[in-house]
Amino acid sequence: MYVSAEEYDRIVRKATEGFDCFSTKASYEIAKHKEEEPEYEDTCKHCESGDCPFADDPDVDCETCEQFDPEEVEWEEPSEDPYFSWTPCAICGCDLGGNRVDLVAVETATGETVEFEGVCETCAYTVQAGTLPDDVADAGEVEI
């Protein structure tokens, strides 16, 4: 079904009313991880406590000590690549198969972050840029 660019814009604005600061879920998680990433010392837990049993042993240093664990949590950076899905778009309801992305937004009333899973690329562009993509605006309609 085709709708006019104006109707599409109305659908998107209504579905995202009360939300602000849209970003891809991957960008949000990367920024949050950088914010929360702990500082690691290059010393083992024994040295940090000041009670290292290997202090006088030249063959053992912090990196060879079994208590050395510089990365306590392994973290894999999420992909920002879109994925294909037949699931309807979480914003406009488009049920055509296509690329989807996951978005995170801030609910203006509460300040809570909310996830929008499976958003079509047209909606993702519209809510992040605050305007319709040029191809939709030029065509004057969009298929949803």
N, C-alpha and C. Protein backbone atom coordinates (compact mmCIF):
# COMPACT_ATOMS: atom_id res chain seq x y z
N MET A 1 0.85 -1.17 0.00
CA MET A 1 0.00 0.00 0.00
C MET A 1 0.90 1.24 0.00
N TYR A 2 0.56 2.18 -0.84
CA TYR A 2 1.31 3.44 -0.89
C TYR A 2 0.57 4.51 -0.09
N VAL A 3 1.33 5.31 0.64
CA VAL A 3 0.76 6.46 1.34
C VAL A 3 1.55 7.68 0.93
N SER A 4 0.94 8.82 1.05
CA SER A 4 1.64 10.06 0.69
C SER A 4 2.77 10.31 1.68
N ALA A 5 3.72 11.10 1.24
CA ALA A 5 4.85 11.45 2.11
C ALA A 5 4.34 12.13 3.38
N GLU A 6 3.32 12.96 3.24
CA GLU A 6 2.76 13.66 4.40
C GLU A 6 2.12 12.68 5.38
N GLU A 7 1.37 11.70 4.84
CA GLU A 7 0.72 10.70 5.70
C GLU A 7 1.78 9.85 6.40
N TYR A 8 2.81 9.47 5.66
CA TYR A 8 3.89 8.68 6.23
C TYR A 8 4.55 9.46 7.37
N ASP A 9 4.82 10.73 7.15
CA ASP A 9 5.43 11.58 8.17
C ASP A 9 4.54 11.63 9.41
N ARG A 10 3.23 11.73 9.21
CA ARG A 10 2.28 11.76 10.33
C ARG A 10 2.32 10.44 11.10
N ILE A 11 2.37 9.30 10.39
CA ILE A 11 2.42 7.98 11.03
C ILE A 11 3.67 7.87 11.90
N VAL A 12 4.81 8.28 11.35
CA VAL A 12 6.09 8.18 12.08
C VAL A 12 6.08 9.09 13.30
N ARG A 13 5.62 10.32 13.13
CA ARG A 13 5.59 11.26 14.26
C ARG A 13 4.67 10.78 15.38
N LYS A 14 3.51 10.20 14.99
CA LYS A 14 2.58 9.71 16.00
C LYS A 14 3.18 8.52 16.76
N ALA A 15 3.83 7.60 16.03
CA ALA A 15 4.40 6.41 16.66
C ALA A 15 5.59 6.75 17.57
N THR A 16 6.25 7.86 17.31
CA THR A 16 7.43 8.21 18.10
C THR A 16 7.19 9.41 19.01
N GLU A 17 5.93 9.81 19.13
CA GLU A 17 5.59 10.94 20.00
C GLU A 17 5.99 10.63 21.45
N GLY A 18 6.63 11.57 22.10
CA GLY A 18 7.04 11.37 23.48
C GLY A 18 8.43 10.77 23.62
N PHE A 19 9.12 10.59 22.48
CA PHE A 19 10.48 10.05 22.50
C PHE A 19 11.42 11.04 21.86
N ASP A 20 12.67 10.99 22.28
CA ASP A 20 13.67 11.93 21.78
C ASP A 20 15.02 11.21 21.70
N CYS A 21 15.97 11.83 21.08
CA CYS A 21 17.36 11.34 21.04
C CYS A 21 17.48 9.94 20.46
N PHE A 22 16.94 9.72 19.27
CA PHE A 22 17.03 8.41 18.64
C PHE A 22 18.46 8.13 18.17
N SER A 23 18.91 6.91 18.40
CA SER A 23 20.19 6.45 17.86
C SER A 23 20.07 4.96 17.62
N THR A 24 20.98 4.42 16.82
CA THR A 24 20.94 2.98 16.63
C THR A 24 21.30 2.32 17.95
N LYS A 25 20.78 1.14 18.16
CA LYS A 25 21.05 0.42 19.40
C LYS A 25 22.55 0.16 19.55
N ALA A 26 23.21 -0.15 18.41
CA ALA A 26 24.65 -0.41 18.47
C ALA A 26 25.41 0.83 18.91
N SER A 27 25.09 2.00 18.35
CA SER A 27 25.76 3.25 18.74
C SER A 27 25.53 3.54 20.22
N TYR A 28 24.31 3.32 20.70
CA TYR A 28 23.98 3.54 22.10
C TYR A 28 24.81 2.62 23.00
N GLU A 29 24.89 1.32 22.64
CA GLU A 29 25.63 0.37 23.46
C GLU A 29 27.13 0.68 23.47
N ILE A 30 27.66 1.11 22.33
CA ILE A 30 29.08 1.46 22.26
C ILE A 30 29.37 2.65 23.16
N ALA A 31 28.54 3.68 23.08
CA ALA A 31 28.72 4.88 23.91
C ALA A 31 28.58 4.53 25.39
N LYS A 32 27.59 3.72 25.71
CA LYS A 32 27.37 3.33 27.11
C LYS A 32 28.55 2.53 27.64
N HIS A 33 29.09 1.63 26.82
CA HIS A 33 30.23 0.83 27.24
C HIS A 33 31.45 1.71 27.50
N LYS A 34 31.69 2.68 26.63
CA LYS A 34 32.83 3.58 26.81
C LYS A 34 32.67 4.40 28.09
N GLU A 35 31.44 4.76 28.39
CA GLU A 35 31.14 5.53 29.60
C GLU A 35 31.40 4.70 30.86
N GLU A 36 31.05 3.42 30.82
CA GLU A 36 31.13 2.56 31.99
C GLU A 36 32.41 1.74 32.07
N GLU A 37 33.25 1.81 31.05
CA GLU A 37 34.44 0.96 31.01
C GLU A 37 35.35 1.28 32.18
N PRO A 38 35.65 0.27 32.99
CA PRO A 38 36.52 0.52 34.15
C PRO A 38 37.97 0.70 33.72
N GLU A 39 38.71 1.38 34.54
CA GLU A 39 40.14 1.54 34.30
C GLU A 39 40.84 0.32 34.87
N TYR A 40 41.71 -0.29 34.10
CA TYR A 40 42.43 -1.46 34.56
C TYR A 40 43.87 -1.09 34.86
N GLU A 41 44.37 -1.61 35.95
CA GLU A 41 45.77 -1.44 36.32
C GLU A 41 46.54 -2.61 35.74
N ASP A 42 47.81 -2.41 35.49
CA ASP A 42 48.65 -3.49 34.99
C ASP A 42 49.30 -4.24 36.13
N THR A 43 48.57 -4.47 37.21
CA THR A 43 49.09 -5.22 38.34
C THR A 43 48.13 -6.34 38.68
N CYS A 44 48.64 -7.34 39.33
CA CYS A 44 47.79 -8.46 39.72
C CYS A 44 47.07 -8.11 41.03
N LYS A 45 46.14 -8.96 41.40
CA LYS A 45 45.37 -8.72 42.63
C LYS A 45 46.24 -8.76 43.87
N HIS A 46 47.33 -9.56 43.83
CA HIS A 46 48.24 -9.61 44.98
C HIS A 46 48.92 -8.26 45.17
N CYS A 47 49.43 -7.67 44.09
CA CYS A 47 50.15 -6.40 44.20
C CYS A 47 49.22 -5.27 44.61
N GLU A 48 47.98 -5.33 44.10
CA GLU A 48 47.01 -4.29 44.47
C GLU A 48 46.75 -4.31 45.97
N SER A 49 46.75 -5.50 46.57
CA SER A 49 46.49 -5.60 48.00
C SER A 49 47.74 -5.32 48.83
N GLY A 50 48.90 -5.27 48.16
CA GLY A 50 50.15 -5.02 48.88
C GLY A 50 50.68 -6.27 49.56
N ASP A 51 50.12 -7.43 49.20
CA ASP A 51 50.50 -8.67 49.85
C ASP A 51 50.91 -9.69 48.79
N CYS A 52 51.91 -9.35 47.96
CA CYS A 52 52.31 -10.23 46.87
C CYS A 52 53.31 -11.28 47.34
N PRO A 53 52.93 -12.58 47.24
CA PRO A 53 53.84 -13.63 47.67
C PRO A 53 55.02 -13.81 46.71
N PHE A 54 54.94 -13.21 45.53
CA PHE A 54 56.00 -13.37 44.54
C PHE A 54 56.89 -12.13 44.42
N ALA A 55 56.81 -11.23 45.37
CA ALA A 55 57.55 -9.97 45.30
C ALA A 55 59.06 -10.19 45.14
N ASP A 56 59.60 -11.22 45.75
CA ASP A 56 61.04 -11.47 45.68
C ASP A 56 61.41 -12.48 44.61
N ASP A 57 60.46 -12.97 43.82
CA ASP A 57 60.74 -13.97 42.80
C ASP A 57 60.93 -13.29 41.45
N PRO A 58 62.16 -13.30 40.88
CA PRO A 58 62.41 -12.62 39.61
C PRO A 58 61.74 -13.31 38.42
N ASP A 59 61.32 -14.58 38.57
CA ASP A 59 60.70 -15.30 37.45
C ASP A 59 59.19 -15.07 37.36
N VAL A 60 58.62 -14.41 38.33
CA VAL A 60 57.18 -14.17 38.33
C VAL A 60 56.94 -12.67 38.38
N ASP A 61 56.16 -12.21 37.42
CA ASP A 61 55.74 -10.81 37.47
C ASP A 61 54.21 -10.79 37.41
N CYS A 62 53.65 -9.63 37.42
CA CYS A 62 52.19 -9.53 37.47
C CYS A 62 51.53 -10.23 36.28
N GLU A 63 52.15 -10.17 35.10
CA GLU A 63 51.52 -10.77 33.93
C GLU A 63 51.56 -12.29 33.96
N THR A 64 52.52 -12.89 34.66
CA THR A 64 52.58 -14.35 34.74
C THR A 64 51.89 -14.89 35.98
N CYS A 65 51.52 -14.03 36.87
CA CYS A 65 50.82 -14.44 38.09
C CYS A 65 49.40 -14.88 37.72
N GLU A 66 48.93 -15.96 38.33
CA GLU A 66 47.59 -16.45 38.00
C GLU A 66 46.48 -15.49 38.45
N GLN A 67 46.82 -14.51 39.24
CA GLN A 67 45.84 -13.53 39.69
C GLN A 67 45.71 -12.33 38.75
N PHE A 68 46.51 -12.33 37.67
CA PHE A 68 46.46 -11.20 36.74
C PHE A 68 45.29 -11.40 35.79
N ASP A 69 44.39 -10.45 35.76
CA ASP A 69 43.20 -10.53 34.90
C ASP A 69 42.84 -9.12 34.44
N PRO A 70 43.55 -8.61 33.42
CA PRO A 70 43.32 -7.23 33.01
C PRO A 70 41.95 -6.98 32.39
N GLU A 71 41.34 -7.99 31.81
CA GLU A 71 40.02 -7.82 31.21
C GLU A 71 39.04 -8.73 31.93
N GLU A 72 38.35 -8.20 32.89
CA GLU A 72 37.44 -9.01 33.68
C GLU A 72 36.19 -9.38 32.90
N VAL A 73 35.79 -8.53 31.95
CA VAL A 73 34.59 -8.79 31.17
C VAL A 73 34.95 -8.66 29.70
N GLU A 74 34.69 -9.73 28.93
CA GLU A 74 34.90 -9.62 27.50
C GLU A 74 33.69 -8.93 26.90
N TRP A 75 33.94 -7.99 26.01
CA TRP A 75 32.85 -7.24 25.40
C TRP A 75 33.09 -7.19 23.91
N GLU A 76 32.08 -7.54 23.15
CA GLU A 76 32.18 -7.50 21.70
C GLU A 76 31.35 -6.33 21.20
N GLU A 77 31.99 -5.48 20.42
CA GLU A 77 31.29 -4.30 19.91
C GLU A 77 30.17 -4.74 18.97
N PRO A 78 28.95 -4.25 19.19
CA PRO A 78 27.84 -4.66 18.34
C PRO A 78 27.95 -4.07 16.93
N SER A 79 27.36 -4.76 15.99
CA SER A 79 27.39 -4.33 14.59
C SER A 79 26.30 -3.29 14.34
N GLU A 80 26.63 -2.31 13.52
CA GLU A 80 25.63 -1.31 13.13
C GLU A 80 25.01 -1.67 11.78
N ASP A 81 25.38 -2.83 11.24
CA ASP A 81 24.85 -3.24 9.95
C ASP A 81 23.37 -3.59 10.08
N PRO A 82 22.57 -3.17 9.10
CA PRO A 82 21.16 -3.56 9.12
C PRO A 82 21.04 -5.06 8.85
N TYR A 83 19.91 -5.63 9.23
CA TYR A 83 19.64 -7.04 8.99
C TYR A 83 18.32 -7.17 8.24
N PHE A 84 18.18 -8.22 7.44
CA PHE A 84 16.95 -8.42 6.68
C PHE A 84 15.90 -9.09 7.56
N SER A 85 14.67 -8.64 7.41
CA SER A 85 13.58 -9.24 8.18
C SER A 85 12.25 -9.04 7.46
N TRP A 86 11.36 -10.01 7.64
CA TRP A 86 9.98 -9.88 7.14
C TRP A 86 9.07 -9.31 8.24
N THR A 87 9.60 -9.09 9.41
CA THR A 87 8.82 -8.56 10.52
C THR A 87 8.40 -7.12 10.20
N PRO A 88 7.16 -6.78 10.48
CA PRO A 88 6.73 -5.40 10.22
C PRO A 88 7.57 -4.39 11.00
N CYS A 89 7.75 -3.22 10.40
CA CYS A 89 8.52 -2.15 11.03
C CYS A 89 7.86 -1.77 12.35
N ALA A 90 8.68 -1.57 13.38
CA ALA A 90 8.17 -1.23 14.71
C ALA A 90 7.59 0.18 14.77
N ILE A 91 7.85 1.00 13.75
CA ILE A 91 7.34 2.37 13.78
C ILE A 91 6.18 2.56 12.79
N CYS A 92 6.42 2.30 11.49
CA CYS A 92 5.36 2.57 10.51
C CYS A 92 4.49 1.36 10.22
N GLY A 93 4.91 0.16 10.65
CA GLY A 93 4.12 -1.04 10.43
C GLY A 93 4.29 -1.64 9.06
N CYS A 94 5.22 -1.14 8.26
CA CYS A 94 5.46 -1.67 6.92
C CYS A 94 5.72 -3.17 7.02
N ASP A 95 4.91 -3.97 6.25
CA ASP A 95 5.10 -5.41 6.35
C ASP A 95 5.85 -5.98 5.14
N LEU A 96 6.48 -5.12 4.37
CA LEU A 96 7.33 -5.59 3.28
C LEU A 96 8.66 -6.05 3.86
N GLY A 97 9.20 -7.11 3.31
CA GLY A 97 10.51 -7.54 3.77
C GLY A 97 11.54 -6.48 3.43
N GLY A 98 12.54 -6.34 4.27
CA GLY A 98 13.58 -5.35 4.00
C GLY A 98 14.56 -5.24 5.14
N ASN A 99 15.49 -4.33 4.97
CA ASN A 99 16.49 -4.12 6.01
C ASN A 99 15.87 -3.46 7.23
N ARG A 100 16.29 -3.92 8.39
CA ARG A 100 15.82 -3.37 9.66
C ARG A 100 17.02 -3.02 10.53
N VAL A 101 16.82 -2.06 11.40
CA VAL A 101 17.82 -1.71 12.41
C VAL A 101 17.08 -1.60 13.74
N ASP A 102 17.82 -1.72 14.83
CA ASP A 102 17.24 -1.54 16.15
C ASP A 102 17.64 -0.16 16.65
N LEU A 103 16.66 0.58 17.17
CA LEU A 103 16.91 1.94 17.65
C LEU A 103 16.68 2.01 19.16
N VAL A 104 17.31 2.99 19.76
CA VAL A 104 17.10 3.30 21.16
C VAL A 104 16.71 4.77 21.22
N ALA A 105 15.72 5.08 22.05
CA ALA A 105 15.29 6.46 22.22
C ALA A 105 15.08 6.74 23.70
N VAL A 106 14.97 8.00 24.02
CA VAL A 106 14.73 8.41 25.40
C VAL A 106 13.28 8.86 25.51
N GLU A 107 12.56 8.28 26.46
CA GLU A 107 11.18 8.71 26.71
C GLU A 107 11.25 10.04 27.44
N THR A 108 10.70 11.09 26.83
CA THR A 108 10.86 12.43 27.38
C THR A 108 10.22 12.59 28.76
N ALA A 109 9.13 11.91 29.03
CA ALA A 109 8.44 12.07 30.32
C ALA A 109 9.23 11.47 31.48
N THR A 110 9.91 10.34 31.24
CA THR A 110 10.57 9.63 32.33
C THR A 110 12.09 9.63 32.25
N GLY A 111 12.63 9.90 31.07
CA GLY A 111 14.08 9.83 30.88
C GLY A 111 14.59 8.41 30.68
N GLU A 112 13.69 7.43 30.65
CA GLU A 112 14.05 6.03 30.46
C GLU A 112 14.41 5.78 28.99
N THR A 113 15.34 4.84 28.76
CA THR A 113 15.64 4.45 27.38
C THR A 113 14.68 3.34 26.98
N VAL A 114 14.25 3.42 25.73
CA VAL A 114 13.29 2.47 25.18
C VAL A 114 13.85 1.95 23.87
N GLU A 115 13.73 0.63 23.65
CA GLU A 115 14.21 0.03 22.41
C GLU A 115 13.09 -0.11 21.41
N PHE A 116 13.38 0.21 20.17
CA PHE A 116 12.50 -0.04 19.04
C PHE A 116 13.20 -1.09 18.20
N GLU A 117 12.75 -2.34 18.28
CA GLU A 117 13.41 -3.43 17.55
C GLU A 117 12.76 -3.64 16.20
N GLY A 118 13.58 -3.69 15.15
CA GLY A 118 13.08 -3.96 13.81
C GLY A 118 12.47 -2.76 13.14
N VAL A 119 13.24 -1.70 13.00
CA VAL A 119 12.76 -0.46 12.37
C VAL A 119 13.27 -0.41 10.94
N CYS A 120 12.38 -0.13 9.98
CA CYS A 120 12.81 -0.05 8.58
C CYS A 120 13.78 1.13 8.42
N GLU A 121 14.61 1.06 7.39
CA GLU A 121 15.64 2.08 7.21
C GLU A 121 15.04 3.46 6.94
N THR A 122 13.87 3.52 6.30
CA THR A 122 13.23 4.81 6.04
C THR A 122 12.82 5.47 7.35
N CYS A 123 12.22 4.71 8.24
CA CYS A 123 11.83 5.26 9.56
C CYS A 123 13.06 5.63 10.37
N ALA A 124 14.08 4.77 10.33
CA ALA A 124 15.30 5.06 11.09
C ALA A 124 15.90 6.38 10.65
N TYR A 125 15.95 6.61 9.35
CA TYR A 125 16.49 7.88 8.84
C TYR A 125 15.60 9.03 9.29
N THR A 126 14.28 8.85 9.15
CA THR A 126 13.34 9.93 9.46
C THR A 126 13.43 10.36 10.92
N VAL A 127 13.47 9.41 11.86
CA VAL A 127 13.49 9.79 13.27
C VAL A 127 14.85 10.32 13.71
N GLN A 128 15.93 9.85 13.07
CA GLN A 128 17.25 10.33 13.45
C GLN A 128 17.56 11.69 12.83
N ALA A 129 17.14 11.90 11.57
CA ALA A 129 17.44 13.16 10.89
C ALA A 129 16.36 14.21 11.12
N GLY A 130 15.17 13.76 11.52
CA GLY A 130 14.08 14.70 11.75
C GLY A 130 13.39 15.14 10.47
N THR A 131 13.68 14.47 9.37
CA THR A 131 13.07 14.80 8.08
C THR A 131 12.99 13.54 7.23
N LEU A 132 12.13 13.58 6.24
CA LEU A 132 12.00 12.44 5.34
C LEU A 132 13.25 12.30 4.47
N PRO A 133 13.60 11.08 4.08
CA PRO A 133 14.70 10.92 3.14
C PRO A 133 14.37 11.62 1.81
N ASP A 134 15.38 12.09 1.13
CA ASP A 134 15.15 12.83 -0.12
C ASP A 134 14.34 12.03 -1.14
N ASP A 135 14.61 10.72 -1.27
CA ASP A 135 13.89 9.93 -2.27
C ASP A 135 12.40 9.85 -1.95
N VAL A 136 12.04 9.78 -0.68
CA VAL A 136 10.62 9.75 -0.29
C VAL A 136 9.99 11.12 -0.51
N ALA A 137 10.69 12.16 -0.10
CA ALA A 137 10.16 13.51 -0.29
C ALA A 137 9.98 13.83 -1.76
N ASP A 138 10.95 13.42 -2.60
CA ASP A 138 10.86 13.69 -4.04
C ASP A 138 9.74 12.88 -4.69
N ALA A 139 9.56 11.61 -4.27
CA ALA A 139 8.53 10.77 -4.86
C ALA A 139 7.14 11.19 -4.37
N GLY A 140 7.07 11.75 -3.20
CA GLY A 140 5.80 12.18 -2.65
C GLY A 140 4.97 11.06 -2.05
N GLU A 141 5.52 9.82 -2.08
CA GLU A 141 4.80 8.70 -1.49
C GLU A 141 5.80 7.62 -1.10
N VAL A 142 5.33 6.72 -0.24
CA VAL A 142 6.17 5.62 0.23
C VAL A 142 5.31 4.37 0.35
N GLU A 143 5.90 3.22 0.04
CA GLU A 143 5.16 1.96 0.15
C GLU A 143 5.36 1.40 1.56
N ILE A 144 4.22 1.14 2.22
CA ILE A 144 4.30 0.52 3.55
C ILE A 144 3.41 -0.71 3.61
